[in-house]
Amino acid sequence: MENVNVSKVIGAGFVATCVMTMLMYVAPMMGIPKMDIASMLGYVLSSGMPQPWTLPWWTGMMMHFINGTLILPVLYSYLFYPFFAGRPWLRGTDWGFILWLLAQAMVMPMMGMGFFSAKLPEAAMAVMGSLIGHIVYGAIFGALAGEQSHSGRAGYEAQASHA
């Protein structure tokens, strides 16, 4: 792999995670059900849904930021970027869509919320809110992370298109 600016990718992930997190906490003002990712992730470590500002809640928030700032951006840049097409914001949007699918099909069931949030009272609205959050995350992340150069076939195709 060549020319992946890790600090730029991590910075982009941090900004995108901040925006997505703010959206989650203002979503109820727009009619979308409450989505407290820190409580949901903290739930895994405690005996019930943790209250905001408690240690399990902060641990969940830290897990959320580690995923959105470090793990997912680095995976995208080093492994998945060559599989997406288009401008960086569009590639990031595609990434956000895939993250949404994984969150709804795997993470939500593991947290007891059901496949595509089926066990939540307003499942359809929760799924749509999650989709919006992940698309916004992806678009911002992709736009800020920018182009990621890679060796091999994908890198050759990118160079050929700029010639």
N, C-alpha and C. Protein backbone atom coordinates (compact mmCIF):
# COMPACT_ATOMS: atom_id res chain seq x y z
N MET A 1 0.84 -1.19 0.00
CA MET A 1 0.00 0.00 0.00
C MET A 1 0.88 1.24 0.00
N GLU A 2 0.43 2.22 -0.69
CA GLU A 2 1.18 3.46 -0.78
C GLU A 2 0.31 4.65 -0.41
N ASN A 3 0.92 5.65 0.11
CA ASN A 3 0.32 6.98 0.26
C ASN A 3 -1.00 7.04 1.02
N VAL A 4 -1.17 6.24 2.04
CA VAL A 4 -2.32 6.41 2.91
C VAL A 4 -1.85 7.32 4.04
N ASN A 5 -2.45 8.50 4.11
CA ASN A 5 -2.11 9.46 5.14
C ASN A 5 -2.92 9.12 6.40
N VAL A 6 -2.32 8.31 7.26
CA VAL A 6 -3.04 7.77 8.42
C VAL A 6 -3.55 8.88 9.34
N SER A 7 -2.75 9.91 9.57
CA SER A 7 -3.21 10.99 10.46
C SER A 7 -4.40 11.73 9.86
N LYS A 8 -4.41 11.90 8.54
CA LYS A 8 -5.54 12.56 7.88
C LYS A 8 -6.80 11.68 7.97
N VAL A 9 -6.62 10.38 7.79
CA VAL A 9 -7.73 9.44 7.87
C VAL A 9 -8.31 9.41 9.29
N ILE A 10 -7.45 9.37 10.28
CA ILE A 10 -7.90 9.37 11.67
C ILE A 10 -8.60 10.69 12.02
N GLY A 11 -8.05 11.80 11.57
CA GLY A 11 -8.70 13.09 11.79
C GLY A 11 -10.07 13.15 11.14
N ALA A 12 -10.17 12.63 9.92
CA ALA A 12 -11.46 12.59 9.22
C ALA A 12 -12.45 11.71 9.97
N GLY A 13 -11.97 10.58 10.48
CA GLY A 13 -12.82 9.70 11.26
C GLY A 13 -13.32 10.36 12.54
N PHE A 14 -12.43 11.11 13.18
CA PHE A 14 -12.81 11.80 14.41
C PHE A 14 -13.90 12.85 14.14
N VAL A 15 -13.71 13.68 13.11
CA VAL A 15 -14.70 14.70 12.79
C VAL A 15 -16.03 14.06 12.42
N ALA A 16 -15.98 13.02 11.57
CA ALA A 16 -17.21 12.35 11.15
C ALA A 16 -17.92 11.70 12.33
N THR A 17 -17.16 11.12 13.25
CA THR A 17 -17.75 10.50 14.44
C THR A 17 -18.39 11.56 15.34
N CYS A 18 -17.73 12.71 15.48
CA CYS A 18 -18.32 13.81 16.27
C CYS A 18 -19.66 14.25 15.68
N VAL A 19 -19.70 14.43 14.35
CA VAL A 19 -20.94 14.87 13.70
C VAL A 19 -22.03 13.82 13.86
N MET A 20 -21.69 12.56 13.62
CA MET A 20 -22.67 11.49 13.76
C MET A 20 -23.20 11.43 15.20
N THR A 21 -22.31 11.57 16.16
CA THR A 21 -22.71 11.52 17.57
C THR A 21 -23.64 12.67 17.91
N MET A 22 -23.32 13.87 17.43
CA MET A 22 -24.21 15.01 17.68
C MET A 22 -25.58 14.77 17.05
N LEU A 23 -25.58 14.21 15.84
CA LEU A 23 -26.86 13.91 15.18
C LEU A 23 -27.71 12.95 16.02
N MET A 24 -27.07 11.94 16.60
CA MET A 24 -27.80 10.97 17.41
C MET A 24 -28.49 11.63 18.60
N TYR A 25 -27.82 12.60 19.19
CA TYR A 25 -28.38 13.22 20.38
C TYR A 25 -29.38 14.33 20.08
N VAL A 26 -29.39 14.85 18.85
CA VAL A 26 -30.41 15.84 18.48
C VAL A 26 -31.54 15.20 17.67
N ALA A 27 -31.39 13.93 17.29
CA ALA A 27 -32.40 13.24 16.48
C ALA A 27 -33.80 13.29 17.08
N PRO A 28 -33.95 13.13 18.41
CA PRO A 28 -35.31 13.18 18.97
C PRO A 28 -36.02 14.52 18.70
N MET A 29 -35.28 15.58 18.52
CA MET A 29 -35.89 16.88 18.21
C MET A 29 -36.47 16.89 16.80
N MET A 30 -36.05 15.92 15.97
CA MET A 30 -36.53 15.83 14.58
C MET A 30 -37.51 14.67 14.41
N GLY A 31 -37.97 14.08 15.51
CA GLY A 31 -38.94 13.00 15.44
C GLY A 31 -38.34 11.61 15.30
N ILE A 32 -37.02 11.50 15.35
CA ILE A 32 -36.36 10.20 15.27
C ILE A 32 -36.17 9.70 16.70
N PRO A 33 -36.40 8.41 16.94
CA PRO A 33 -36.25 7.89 18.31
C PRO A 33 -34.85 8.13 18.87
N LYS A 34 -34.78 8.22 20.18
CA LYS A 34 -33.51 8.41 20.89
C LYS A 34 -32.55 7.28 20.53
N MET A 35 -31.32 7.65 20.19
CA MET A 35 -30.28 6.67 19.88
C MET A 35 -29.05 7.02 20.70
N ASP A 36 -28.94 6.39 21.85
CA ASP A 36 -27.80 6.65 22.72
C ASP A 36 -26.76 5.55 22.54
N ILE A 37 -25.86 5.74 21.59
CA ILE A 37 -24.86 4.72 21.26
C ILE A 37 -23.96 4.41 22.45
N ALA A 38 -23.67 5.41 23.26
CA ALA A 38 -22.82 5.17 24.44
C ALA A 38 -23.52 4.22 25.41
N SER A 39 -24.81 4.40 25.62
CA SER A 39 -25.56 3.49 26.50
C SER A 39 -25.66 2.10 25.89
N MET A 40 -25.90 2.04 24.58
CA MET A 40 -26.03 0.74 23.94
C MET A 40 -24.73 -0.05 24.00
N LEU A 41 -23.60 0.61 23.74
CA LEU A 41 -22.31 -0.08 23.82
C LEU A 41 -21.93 -0.35 25.27
N GLY A 42 -22.25 0.57 26.16
CA GLY A 42 -21.99 0.37 27.58
C GLY A 42 -22.81 -0.75 28.18
N TYR A 43 -23.96 -1.02 27.59
CA TYR A 43 -24.85 -2.10 28.02
C TYR A 43 -24.13 -3.45 28.00
N VAL A 44 -23.25 -3.61 27.02
CA VAL A 44 -22.48 -4.85 26.89
C VAL A 44 -21.62 -5.09 28.12
N LEU A 45 -21.20 -4.01 28.78
CA LEU A 45 -20.28 -4.12 29.91
C LEU A 45 -20.95 -4.00 31.27
N SER A 46 -22.25 -3.80 31.29
CA SER A 46 -22.92 -3.60 32.58
C SER A 46 -24.14 -4.52 32.69
N SER A 47 -24.82 -4.45 33.81
CA SER A 47 -25.96 -5.33 34.05
C SER A 47 -27.28 -4.73 33.56
N GLY A 48 -27.23 -3.62 32.92
CA GLY A 48 -28.42 -2.98 32.39
C GLY A 48 -28.01 -1.79 31.55
N MET A 49 -29.00 -1.09 31.01
CA MET A 49 -28.71 0.08 30.19
C MET A 49 -28.16 1.18 31.10
N PRO A 50 -26.89 1.57 30.89
CA PRO A 50 -26.29 2.57 31.78
C PRO A 50 -26.88 3.96 31.59
N GLN A 51 -26.92 4.69 32.66
CA GLN A 51 -27.37 6.07 32.64
C GLN A 51 -26.27 6.95 32.06
N PRO A 52 -26.66 8.05 31.40
CA PRO A 52 -25.64 8.98 30.87
C PRO A 52 -24.68 9.45 31.96
N TRP A 53 -23.46 9.63 31.57
CA TRP A 53 -22.37 10.17 32.36
C TRP A 53 -21.83 9.20 33.41
N THR A 54 -22.31 7.95 33.43
CA THR A 54 -21.75 6.95 34.33
C THR A 54 -20.53 6.29 33.67
N LEU A 55 -19.77 5.53 34.44
CA LEU A 55 -18.59 4.88 33.89
C LEU A 55 -18.91 3.95 32.71
N PRO A 56 -19.95 3.09 32.80
CA PRO A 56 -20.26 2.26 31.63
C PRO A 56 -20.68 3.09 30.41
N TRP A 57 -21.36 4.22 30.64
CA TRP A 57 -21.75 5.10 29.54
C TRP A 57 -20.50 5.68 28.88
N TRP A 58 -19.56 6.18 29.67
CA TRP A 58 -18.32 6.73 29.12
C TRP A 58 -17.50 5.66 28.40
N THR A 59 -17.52 4.44 28.94
CA THR A 59 -16.82 3.34 28.29
C THR A 59 -17.43 3.06 26.92
N GLY A 60 -18.77 3.07 26.85
CA GLY A 60 -19.46 2.90 25.57
C GLY A 60 -19.13 4.02 24.60
N MET A 61 -19.06 5.25 25.09
CA MET A 61 -18.72 6.38 24.23
C MET A 61 -17.29 6.24 23.72
N MET A 62 -16.39 5.79 24.58
CA MET A 62 -15.00 5.58 24.16
C MET A 62 -14.93 4.49 23.08
N MET A 63 -15.70 3.41 23.25
CA MET A 63 -15.73 2.35 22.24
C MET A 63 -16.24 2.89 20.91
N HIS A 64 -17.27 3.72 20.96
CA HIS A 64 -17.84 4.34 19.76
C HIS A 64 -16.79 5.19 19.04
N PHE A 65 -16.05 5.99 19.80
CA PHE A 65 -15.04 6.85 19.17
C PHE A 65 -13.83 6.06 18.68
N ILE A 66 -13.46 5.00 19.35
CA ILE A 66 -12.36 4.16 18.86
C ILE A 66 -12.75 3.52 17.53
N ASN A 67 -13.99 3.03 17.45
CA ASN A 67 -14.46 2.44 16.19
C ASN A 67 -14.50 3.48 15.08
N GLY A 68 -15.14 4.61 15.33
CA GLY A 68 -15.35 5.61 14.29
C GLY A 68 -14.13 6.43 13.93
N THR A 69 -13.17 6.52 14.85
CA THR A 69 -11.99 7.34 14.62
C THR A 69 -10.79 6.52 14.16
N LEU A 70 -10.62 5.34 14.72
CA LEU A 70 -9.42 4.55 14.44
C LEU A 70 -9.69 3.31 13.59
N ILE A 71 -10.47 2.39 14.12
CA ILE A 71 -10.60 1.08 13.50
C ILE A 71 -11.25 1.15 12.12
N LEU A 72 -12.43 1.72 12.02
CA LEU A 72 -13.14 1.74 10.74
C LEU A 72 -12.44 2.59 9.68
N PRO A 73 -11.92 3.77 10.01
CA PRO A 73 -11.19 4.54 9.00
C PRO A 73 -9.94 3.83 8.46
N VAL A 74 -9.20 3.17 9.34
CA VAL A 74 -7.99 2.48 8.89
C VAL A 74 -8.37 1.27 8.02
N LEU A 75 -9.40 0.53 8.42
CA LEU A 75 -9.88 -0.58 7.58
C LEU A 75 -10.30 -0.08 6.20
N TYR A 76 -11.06 1.00 6.17
CA TYR A 76 -11.50 1.59 4.90
C TYR A 76 -10.31 1.95 4.03
N SER A 77 -9.37 2.67 4.59
CA SER A 77 -8.26 3.20 3.80
C SER A 77 -7.32 2.12 3.28
N TYR A 78 -7.03 1.14 4.11
CA TYR A 78 -6.07 0.12 3.70
C TYR A 78 -6.69 -1.06 2.96
N LEU A 79 -7.94 -1.40 3.28
CA LEU A 79 -8.52 -2.60 2.69
C LEU A 79 -9.66 -2.36 1.71
N PHE A 80 -10.56 -1.46 2.02
CA PHE A 80 -11.79 -1.36 1.25
C PHE A 80 -11.83 -0.25 0.21
N TYR A 81 -11.02 0.78 0.36
CA TYR A 81 -11.05 1.92 -0.55
C TYR A 81 -11.00 1.52 -2.03
N PRO A 82 -10.12 0.60 -2.43
CA PRO A 82 -10.03 0.26 -3.85
C PRO A 82 -11.30 -0.35 -4.43
N PHE A 83 -12.19 -0.85 -3.58
CA PHE A 83 -13.39 -1.50 -4.07
C PHE A 83 -14.54 -0.52 -4.34
N PHE A 84 -14.37 0.72 -3.96
CA PHE A 84 -15.39 1.74 -4.18
C PHE A 84 -15.00 2.61 -5.36
N ALA A 85 -16.00 3.18 -6.01
CA ALA A 85 -15.73 4.05 -7.16
C ALA A 85 -16.27 5.44 -6.87
N GLY A 86 -15.73 6.41 -7.60
CA GLY A 86 -16.24 7.77 -7.50
C GLY A 86 -15.37 8.68 -6.66
N ARG A 87 -15.89 9.86 -6.46
CA ARG A 87 -15.19 10.87 -5.68
C ARG A 87 -15.10 10.40 -4.22
N PRO A 88 -14.18 10.96 -3.45
CA PRO A 88 -14.00 10.49 -2.07
C PRO A 88 -15.26 10.54 -1.21
N TRP A 89 -16.08 11.60 -1.33
CA TRP A 89 -17.29 11.67 -0.51
C TRP A 89 -18.26 10.55 -0.87
N LEU A 90 -18.31 10.17 -2.17
CA LEU A 90 -19.20 9.11 -2.60
C LEU A 90 -18.69 7.74 -2.12
N ARG A 91 -17.39 7.55 -2.18
CA ARG A 91 -16.80 6.31 -1.65
C ARG A 91 -17.09 6.20 -0.16
N GLY A 92 -16.97 7.32 0.55
CA GLY A 92 -17.27 7.34 1.98
C GLY A 92 -18.74 7.06 2.24
N THR A 93 -19.61 7.57 1.39
CA THR A 93 -21.04 7.30 1.54
C THR A 93 -21.32 5.81 1.37
N ASP A 94 -20.69 5.20 0.38
CA ASP A 94 -20.84 3.75 0.20
C ASP A 94 -20.35 3.00 1.44
N TRP A 95 -19.23 3.44 2.00
CA TRP A 95 -18.69 2.84 3.22
C TRP A 95 -19.69 2.99 4.37
N GLY A 96 -20.26 4.18 4.51
CA GLY A 96 -21.26 4.41 5.54
C GLY A 96 -22.46 3.49 5.39
N PHE A 97 -22.89 3.26 4.14
CA PHE A 97 -24.01 2.36 3.89
C PHE A 97 -23.68 0.94 4.32
N ILE A 98 -22.47 0.48 4.00
CA ILE A 98 -22.04 -0.86 4.41
C ILE A 98 -21.98 -0.96 5.94
N LEU A 99 -21.46 0.09 6.58
CA LEU A 99 -21.41 0.09 8.05
C LEU A 99 -22.82 0.02 8.64
N TRP A 100 -23.76 0.73 8.01
CA TRP A 100 -25.15 0.68 8.47
C TRP A 100 -25.70 -0.73 8.36
N LEU A 101 -25.47 -1.38 7.21
CA LEU A 101 -25.94 -2.75 7.03
C LEU A 101 -25.37 -3.67 8.11
N LEU A 102 -24.07 -3.55 8.36
CA LEU A 102 -23.43 -4.38 9.39
C LEU A 102 -24.00 -4.07 10.78
N ALA A 103 -24.20 -2.78 11.06
CA ALA A 103 -24.74 -2.39 12.36
C ALA A 103 -26.14 -2.98 12.57
N GLN A 104 -26.98 -2.90 11.56
CA GLN A 104 -28.36 -3.36 11.70
C GLN A 104 -28.49 -4.88 11.64
N ALA A 105 -27.64 -5.52 10.85
CA ALA A 105 -27.75 -6.97 10.68
C ALA A 105 -26.96 -7.75 11.72
N MET A 106 -25.91 -7.15 12.30
CA MET A 106 -25.07 -7.89 13.23
C MET A 106 -24.98 -7.25 14.62
N VAL A 107 -24.68 -5.96 14.67
CA VAL A 107 -24.44 -5.31 15.96
C VAL A 107 -25.74 -5.18 16.76
N MET A 108 -26.79 -4.72 16.14
CA MET A 108 -28.05 -4.55 16.88
C MET A 108 -28.56 -5.88 17.45
N PRO A 109 -28.54 -6.97 16.68
CA PRO A 109 -28.94 -8.25 17.29
C PRO A 109 -28.03 -8.66 18.46
N MET A 110 -26.73 -8.42 18.34
CA MET A 110 -25.81 -8.78 19.43
C MET A 110 -26.09 -7.98 20.69
N MET A 111 -26.65 -6.78 20.54
CA MET A 111 -26.97 -5.95 21.70
C MET A 111 -28.40 -6.16 22.17
N GLY A 112 -29.08 -7.15 21.60
CA GLY A 112 -30.43 -7.48 22.04
C GLY A 112 -31.51 -6.61 21.44
N MET A 113 -31.18 -5.84 20.41
CA MET A 113 -32.16 -4.94 19.80
C MET A 113 -32.88 -5.58 18.61
N GLY A 114 -32.43 -6.76 18.20
CA GLY A 114 -33.07 -7.47 17.10
C GLY A 114 -32.48 -7.12 15.74
N PHE A 115 -32.75 -8.00 14.77
CA PHE A 115 -32.31 -7.80 13.39
C PHE A 115 -33.00 -6.56 12.83
N PHE A 116 -32.22 -5.63 12.34
CA PHE A 116 -32.71 -4.33 11.88
C PHE A 116 -33.61 -3.67 12.93
N SER A 117 -33.13 -3.70 14.17
CA SER A 117 -33.77 -3.01 15.31
C SER A 117 -35.20 -3.47 15.55
N ALA A 118 -35.54 -4.69 15.19
CA ALA A 118 -36.92 -5.18 15.24
C ALA A 118 -37.53 -5.15 16.65
N LYS A 119 -36.71 -5.22 17.68
CA LYS A 119 -37.24 -5.25 19.05
C LYS A 119 -37.45 -3.86 19.64
N LEU A 120 -37.12 -2.83 18.89
CA LEU A 120 -37.32 -1.46 19.39
C LEU A 120 -38.76 -1.03 19.11
N PRO A 121 -39.32 -0.17 19.96
CA PRO A 121 -40.71 0.26 19.78
C PRO A 121 -40.97 0.92 18.43
N GLU A 122 -40.08 1.75 17.98
CA GLU A 122 -40.24 2.42 16.69
C GLU A 122 -39.12 1.96 15.76
N ALA A 123 -39.15 0.67 15.41
CA ALA A 123 -38.06 0.05 14.67
C ALA A 123 -37.78 0.75 13.33
N ALA A 124 -38.81 1.03 12.56
CA ALA A 124 -38.59 1.64 11.24
C ALA A 124 -37.91 3.00 11.36
N MET A 125 -38.35 3.80 12.32
CA MET A 125 -37.72 5.11 12.51
C MET A 125 -36.29 4.97 13.02
N ALA A 126 -36.05 3.99 13.89
CA ALA A 126 -34.69 3.76 14.39
C ALA A 126 -33.77 3.33 13.26
N VAL A 127 -34.25 2.46 12.38
CA VAL A 127 -33.45 2.01 11.23
C VAL A 127 -33.15 3.19 10.30
N MET A 128 -34.14 4.02 10.05
CA MET A 128 -33.92 5.18 9.18
C MET A 128 -32.97 6.19 9.82
N GLY A 129 -33.12 6.41 11.11
CA GLY A 129 -32.20 7.31 11.81
C GLY A 129 -30.77 6.79 11.75
N SER A 130 -30.62 5.48 11.93
CA SER A 130 -29.30 4.87 11.84
C SER A 130 -28.73 5.01 10.43
N LEU A 131 -29.57 4.82 9.43
CA LEU A 131 -29.12 4.98 8.04
C LEU A 131 -28.64 6.41 7.78
N ILE A 132 -29.41 7.38 8.22
CA ILE A 132 -29.03 8.78 8.03
C ILE A 132 -27.69 9.06 8.72
N GLY A 133 -27.56 8.60 9.97
CA GLY A 133 -26.32 8.82 10.70
C GLY A 133 -25.12 8.20 10.02
N HIS A 134 -25.25 6.97 9.53
CA HIS A 134 -24.13 6.31 8.88
C HIS A 134 -23.79 6.93 7.52
N ILE A 135 -24.81 7.37 6.79
CA ILE A 135 -24.55 8.04 5.51
C ILE A 135 -23.84 9.37 5.74
N VAL A 136 -24.29 10.12 6.72
CA VAL A 136 -23.62 11.39 7.05
C VAL A 136 -22.19 11.13 7.49
N TYR A 137 -22.00 10.15 8.36
CA TYR A 137 -20.65 9.78 8.79
C TYR A 137 -19.78 9.48 7.57
N GLY A 138 -20.27 8.61 6.70
CA GLY A 138 -19.48 8.19 5.54
C GLY A 138 -19.15 9.32 4.60
N ALA A 139 -20.13 10.18 4.30
CA ALA A 139 -19.90 11.28 3.37
C ALA A 139 -18.86 12.26 3.93
N ILE A 140 -18.99 12.60 5.20
CA ILE A 140 -18.03 13.52 5.82
C ILE A 140 -16.66 12.87 5.91
N PHE A 141 -16.63 11.62 6.35
CA PHE A 141 -15.36 10.92 6.44
C PHE A 141 -14.67 10.86 5.08
N GLY A 142 -15.39 10.43 4.06
CA GLY A 142 -14.79 10.31 2.72
C GLY A 142 -14.30 11.63 2.19
N ALA A 143 -15.10 12.68 2.36
CA ALA A 143 -14.71 14.00 1.86
C ALA A 143 -13.44 14.50 2.55
N LEU A 144 -13.37 14.31 3.86
CA LEU A 144 -12.20 14.80 4.60
C LEU A 144 -10.97 13.91 4.43
N ALA A 145 -11.17 12.59 4.31
CA ALA A 145 -10.04 11.67 4.14
C ALA A 145 -9.44 11.83 2.75
N GLY A 146 -10.28 12.14 1.76
CA GLY A 146 -9.78 12.36 0.40
C GLY A 146 -9.36 11.09 -0.30
N GLU A 147 -8.60 11.28 -1.37
CA GLU A 147 -8.11 10.16 -2.17
C GLU A 147 -7.13 9.32 -1.37
N GLN A 148 -7.20 8.02 -1.54
CA GLN A 148 -6.27 7.08 -0.92
C GLN A 148 -5.58 6.33 -2.04
N SER A 149 -4.29 6.52 -2.22
CA SER A 149 -3.55 5.85 -3.29
C SER A 149 -3.15 4.46 -2.85
N HIS A 150 -3.25 3.51 -3.76
CA HIS A 150 -2.91 2.12 -3.47
C HIS A 150 -2.09 1.56 -4.62
N SER A 151 -1.24 0.59 -4.28
CA SER A 151 -0.49 -0.11 -5.31
C SER A 151 -1.38 -1.19 -5.91
N GLY A 152 -0.95 -1.78 -6.98
CA GLY A 152 -1.70 -2.86 -7.60
C GLY A 152 -2.70 -2.35 -8.60
N ARG A 153 -3.66 -3.20 -8.95
CA ARG A 153 -4.61 -2.92 -10.02
C ARG A 153 -5.43 -1.65 -9.76
N ALA A 154 -5.96 -1.51 -8.55
CA ALA A 154 -6.78 -0.33 -8.25
C ALA A 154 -5.96 0.94 -8.38
N GLY A 155 -4.72 0.90 -7.92
CA GLY A 155 -3.86 2.07 -8.06
C GLY A 155 -3.56 2.38 -9.50
N TYR A 156 -3.35 1.34 -10.31
CA TYR A 156 -3.08 1.53 -11.74
C TYR A 156 -4.28 2.16 -12.42
N GLU A 157 -5.50 1.67 -12.10
CA GLU A 157 -6.71 2.22 -12.70
C GLU A 157 -6.88 3.70 -12.33
N ALA A 158 -6.58 4.04 -11.09
CA ALA A 158 -6.70 5.44 -10.65
C ALA A 158 -5.71 6.30 -11.40
N GLN A 159 -4.47 5.82 -11.58
CA GLN A 159 -3.47 6.59 -12.30
C GLN A 159 -3.83 6.73 -13.77
N ALA A 160 -4.37 5.67 -14.36
CA ALA A 160 -4.74 5.70 -15.78
C ALA A 160 -5.87 6.68 -16.02
N SER A 161 -6.80 6.79 -15.08
CA SER A 161 -7.92 7.71 -15.27
C SER A 161 -7.49 9.17 -15.16
N HIS A 162 -6.37 9.43 -14.49
CA HIS A 162 -5.88 10.81 -14.35
C HIS A 162 -4.93 11.20 -15.48
N ALA A 163 -4.57 10.26 -16.32
CA ALA A 163 -3.59 10.54 -17.40
C ALA A 163 -4.25 11.18 -18.60
